[in-house]
């Protein structure tokens, strides 16, 4: 995969603990938003296993918060 134009790499936890808290939905939403905004060549995502630090970050607002953080305009 060519990554020369990538300016941001987003790690999306999909370990067992995070999956129980909706990680798959968050991962899919973030990836869809990247595609819909035409930013697939600037933002690369990688699903990771759980590192036990991110579990506490997942809640009902996680999807919107993750999307907001990924798409901070000043970072492109």
N, C-alpha and C. Protein backbone atom coordinates (compact mmCIF):
# COMPACT_ATOMS: atom_id res chain seq x y z
N UNK A 1 0.84 -1.18 0.00
CA UNK A 1 0.00 0.00 0.00
C UNK A 1 0.89 1.25 0.00
N UNK A 2 0.56 2.19 -0.84
CA UNK A 2 1.31 3.44 -0.96
C UNK A 2 0.84 4.41 0.13
N UNK A 3 1.77 4.89 0.95
CA UNK A 3 1.43 5.79 2.05
C UNK A 3 2.14 7.14 1.95
N UNK A 4 2.70 7.45 0.81
CA UNK A 4 3.50 8.68 0.69
C UNK A 4 2.71 9.96 0.92
N UNK A 5 1.42 9.98 0.64
CA UNK A 5 0.62 11.19 0.84
C UNK A 5 -0.07 11.25 2.18
N UNK A 6 0.12 10.26 3.01
CA UNK A 6 -0.57 10.18 4.29
C UNK A 6 0.01 11.19 5.29
N UNK A 7 -0.87 11.95 5.91
CA UNK A 7 -0.43 12.93 6.90
C UNK A 7 -0.89 12.55 8.31
N UNK A 8 -1.75 11.53 8.42
CA UNK A 8 -2.25 11.12 9.72
C UNK A 8 -2.46 9.61 9.71
N UNK A 9 -2.07 8.95 10.81
CA UNK A 9 -2.26 7.51 10.98
C UNK A 9 -3.09 7.32 12.25
N UNK A 10 -4.26 6.74 12.09
CA UNK A 10 -5.18 6.55 13.21
C UNK A 10 -5.21 5.08 13.59
N UNK A 11 -4.92 4.80 14.87
CA UNK A 11 -4.96 3.43 15.38
C UNK A 11 -6.33 3.21 16.02
N UNK A 12 -7.03 2.19 15.53
CA UNK A 12 -8.37 1.88 16.01
C UNK A 12 -8.35 0.55 16.75
N UNK A 13 -8.54 0.59 18.05
CA UNK A 13 -8.48 -0.63 18.85
C UNK A 13 -9.68 -1.52 18.53
N UNK A 14 -9.41 -2.77 18.25
CA UNK A 14 -10.45 -3.77 18.04
C UNK A 14 -10.16 -5.01 18.85
N UNK A 15 -9.55 -4.82 20.01
CA UNK A 15 -9.31 -5.93 20.93
C UNK A 15 -10.61 -6.32 21.62
N UNK A 16 -10.60 -7.43 22.33
CA UNK A 16 -11.81 -7.98 22.94
C UNK A 16 -12.53 -7.00 23.86
N UNK A 17 -11.79 -6.33 24.73
CA UNK A 17 -12.42 -5.40 25.68
C UNK A 17 -13.07 -4.23 24.96
N UNK A 18 -12.39 -3.70 23.98
CA UNK A 18 -12.93 -2.56 23.24
C UNK A 18 -14.10 -2.99 22.35
N UNK A 19 -14.02 -4.19 21.80
CA UNK A 19 -15.12 -4.69 20.96
C UNK A 19 -16.42 -4.76 21.76
N UNK A 20 -16.32 -5.12 23.03
CA UNK A 20 -17.51 -5.19 23.88
C UNK A 20 -18.12 -3.81 24.10
N UNK A 21 -17.32 -2.77 23.91
CA UNK A 21 -17.79 -1.40 24.13
C UNK A 21 -18.08 -0.65 22.82
N UNK A 22 -18.13 -1.38 21.69
CA UNK A 22 -18.53 -0.75 20.44
C UNK A 22 -17.41 -0.35 19.51
N UNK A 23 -16.24 -0.93 19.66
CA UNK A 23 -15.09 -0.54 18.83
C UNK A 23 -15.33 -0.77 17.34
N UNK A 24 -16.02 -1.83 16.99
CA UNK A 24 -16.27 -2.11 15.57
C UNK A 24 -17.10 -1.00 14.93
N UNK A 25 -18.13 -0.56 15.64
CA UNK A 25 -18.97 0.52 15.14
C UNK A 25 -18.16 1.81 14.98
N UNK A 26 -17.32 2.10 15.95
CA UNK A 26 -16.48 3.30 15.89
C UNK A 26 -15.50 3.21 14.72
N UNK A 27 -14.86 2.07 14.57
CA UNK A 27 -13.91 1.87 13.47
C UNK A 27 -14.60 2.07 12.13
N UNK A 28 -15.75 1.46 11.97
CA UNK A 28 -16.49 1.58 10.70
C UNK A 28 -16.93 3.01 10.45
N UNK A 29 -17.37 3.71 11.48
CA UNK A 29 -17.81 5.10 11.32
C UNK A 29 -16.65 6.01 10.94
N UNK A 30 -15.51 5.84 11.59
CA UNK A 30 -14.35 6.66 11.28
C UNK A 30 -13.89 6.39 9.84
N UNK A 31 -13.80 5.14 9.47
CA UNK A 31 -13.38 4.80 8.10
C UNK A 31 -14.36 5.31 7.05
N UNK A 32 -15.65 5.23 7.33
CA UNK A 32 -16.67 5.75 6.40
C UNK A 32 -16.53 7.25 6.25
N UNK A 33 -16.33 7.94 7.36
CA UNK A 33 -16.19 9.39 7.32
C UNK A 33 -14.95 9.80 6.52
N UNK A 34 -13.87 9.07 6.69
CA UNK A 34 -12.65 9.34 5.92
C UNK A 34 -12.93 9.19 4.42
N UNK A 35 -13.59 8.11 4.07
CA UNK A 35 -13.92 7.86 2.66
C UNK A 35 -14.88 8.92 2.12
N UNK A 36 -15.94 9.21 2.88
CA UNK A 36 -16.94 10.20 2.44
C UNK A 36 -16.34 11.59 2.24
N UNK A 37 -15.32 11.92 3.00
CA UNK A 37 -14.68 13.23 2.87
C UNK A 37 -13.56 13.24 1.83
N UNK A 38 -13.35 12.09 1.19
CA UNK A 38 -12.32 12.00 0.17
C UNK A 38 -10.91 12.11 0.72
N UNK A 39 -10.70 11.62 1.94
CA UNK A 39 -9.40 11.78 2.59
C UNK A 39 -8.64 10.46 2.74
N UNK A 40 -9.05 9.45 2.00
CA UNK A 40 -8.39 8.15 2.10
C UNK A 40 -6.90 8.21 1.77
N UNK A 41 -6.51 9.16 0.94
CA UNK A 41 -5.09 9.30 0.58
C UNK A 41 -4.30 10.12 1.60
N UNK A 42 -4.99 10.73 2.57
CA UNK A 42 -4.32 11.55 3.59
C UNK A 42 -4.37 10.93 4.99
N UNK A 43 -5.37 10.08 5.24
CA UNK A 43 -5.53 9.47 6.55
C UNK A 43 -5.53 7.95 6.39
N UNK A 44 -4.62 7.29 7.10
CA UNK A 44 -4.53 5.83 7.08
C UNK A 44 -5.00 5.29 8.42
N UNK A 45 -5.79 4.23 8.41
CA UNK A 45 -6.25 3.63 9.66
C UNK A 45 -5.71 2.21 9.78
N UNK A 46 -5.48 1.80 11.02
CA UNK A 46 -5.03 0.45 11.32
C UNK A 46 -5.81 -0.05 12.53
N UNK A 47 -6.43 -1.23 12.37
CA UNK A 47 -7.08 -1.86 13.52
C UNK A 47 -5.99 -2.56 14.34
N UNK A 48 -6.03 -2.34 15.65
CA UNK A 48 -5.02 -2.92 16.53
C UNK A 48 -5.69 -3.81 17.57
N UNK A 49 -4.88 -4.53 18.30
CA UNK A 49 -5.39 -5.26 19.46
C UNK A 49 -5.39 -4.32 20.65
N UNK A 50 -6.10 -4.70 21.67
CA UNK A 50 -6.27 -3.83 22.83
C UNK A 50 -4.97 -3.69 23.62
N UNK A 51 -4.71 -2.46 24.05
CA UNK A 51 -3.54 -2.23 24.91
C UNK A 51 -3.98 -1.85 26.32
N UNK A 52 -5.26 -2.00 26.61
CA UNK A 52 -5.87 -1.75 27.93
C UNK A 52 -5.91 -0.28 28.33
N UNK A 53 -5.40 0.60 27.52
CA UNK A 53 -5.44 2.03 27.85
C UNK A 53 -6.65 2.71 27.24
N UNK A 54 -7.15 2.16 26.14
CA UNK A 54 -8.21 2.84 25.40
C UNK A 54 -9.60 2.45 25.86
N UNK A 55 -9.74 1.35 26.58
CA UNK A 55 -11.06 0.86 26.97
C UNK A 55 -11.86 1.94 27.68
N UNK A 56 -11.25 2.66 28.57
CA UNK A 56 -11.96 3.69 29.33
C UNK A 56 -12.45 4.84 28.46
N UNK A 57 -11.90 4.97 27.26
CA UNK A 57 -12.30 6.06 26.38
C UNK A 57 -13.57 5.75 25.60
N UNK A 58 -13.93 4.49 25.55
CA UNK A 58 -15.10 4.10 24.76
C UNK A 58 -16.38 4.26 25.56
N UNK A 59 -17.30 5.01 25.00
CA UNK A 59 -18.61 5.18 25.59
C UNK A 59 -19.58 5.59 24.49
N UNK A 60 -20.76 6.00 24.84
CA UNK A 60 -21.77 6.32 23.83
C UNK A 60 -21.41 7.51 22.96
N UNK A 61 -20.49 8.36 23.41
CA UNK A 61 -20.09 9.53 22.64
C UNK A 61 -18.79 9.30 21.87
N UNK A 62 -18.22 8.12 22.00
CA UNK A 62 -16.91 7.84 21.43
C UNK A 62 -16.83 8.06 19.93
N UNK A 63 -17.83 7.60 19.21
CA UNK A 63 -17.79 7.70 17.75
C UNK A 63 -17.66 9.16 17.32
N UNK A 64 -18.51 10.01 17.84
CA UNK A 64 -18.47 11.43 17.46
C UNK A 64 -17.18 12.10 17.92
N UNK A 65 -16.72 11.74 19.11
CA UNK A 65 -15.48 12.32 19.63
C UNK A 65 -14.28 11.88 18.79
N UNK A 66 -14.25 10.61 18.43
CA UNK A 66 -13.16 10.09 17.60
C UNK A 66 -13.15 10.80 16.24
N UNK A 67 -14.31 10.93 15.64
CA UNK A 67 -14.41 11.60 14.34
C UNK A 67 -13.96 13.05 14.46
N UNK A 68 -14.36 13.73 15.54
CA UNK A 68 -13.95 15.13 15.74
C UNK A 68 -12.44 15.23 15.86
N UNK A 69 -11.83 14.32 16.59
CA UNK A 69 -10.38 14.35 16.78
C UNK A 69 -9.64 14.05 15.48
N UNK A 70 -10.14 13.10 14.72
CA UNK A 70 -9.48 12.73 13.47
C UNK A 70 -9.53 13.86 12.47
N UNK A 71 -10.63 14.59 12.44
CA UNK A 71 -10.82 15.61 11.42
C UNK A 71 -10.61 17.03 11.89
N UNK A 72 -9.65 17.24 12.76
CA UNK A 72 -9.29 18.59 13.17
C UNK A 72 -8.66 19.26 11.94
N UNK A 73 -9.35 20.25 11.36
CA UNK A 73 -8.91 20.84 10.10
C UNK A 73 -7.47 21.34 10.06
N UNK A 74 -6.95 21.84 11.14
CA UNK A 74 -5.60 22.41 11.12
C UNK A 74 -4.52 21.37 10.92
N UNK A 75 -4.87 20.10 10.98
CA UNK A 75 -3.87 19.06 10.90
C UNK A 75 -3.70 18.49 9.48
N UNK A 76 -4.33 19.09 8.49
CA UNK A 76 -4.17 18.60 7.10
C UNK A 76 -3.36 19.55 6.28
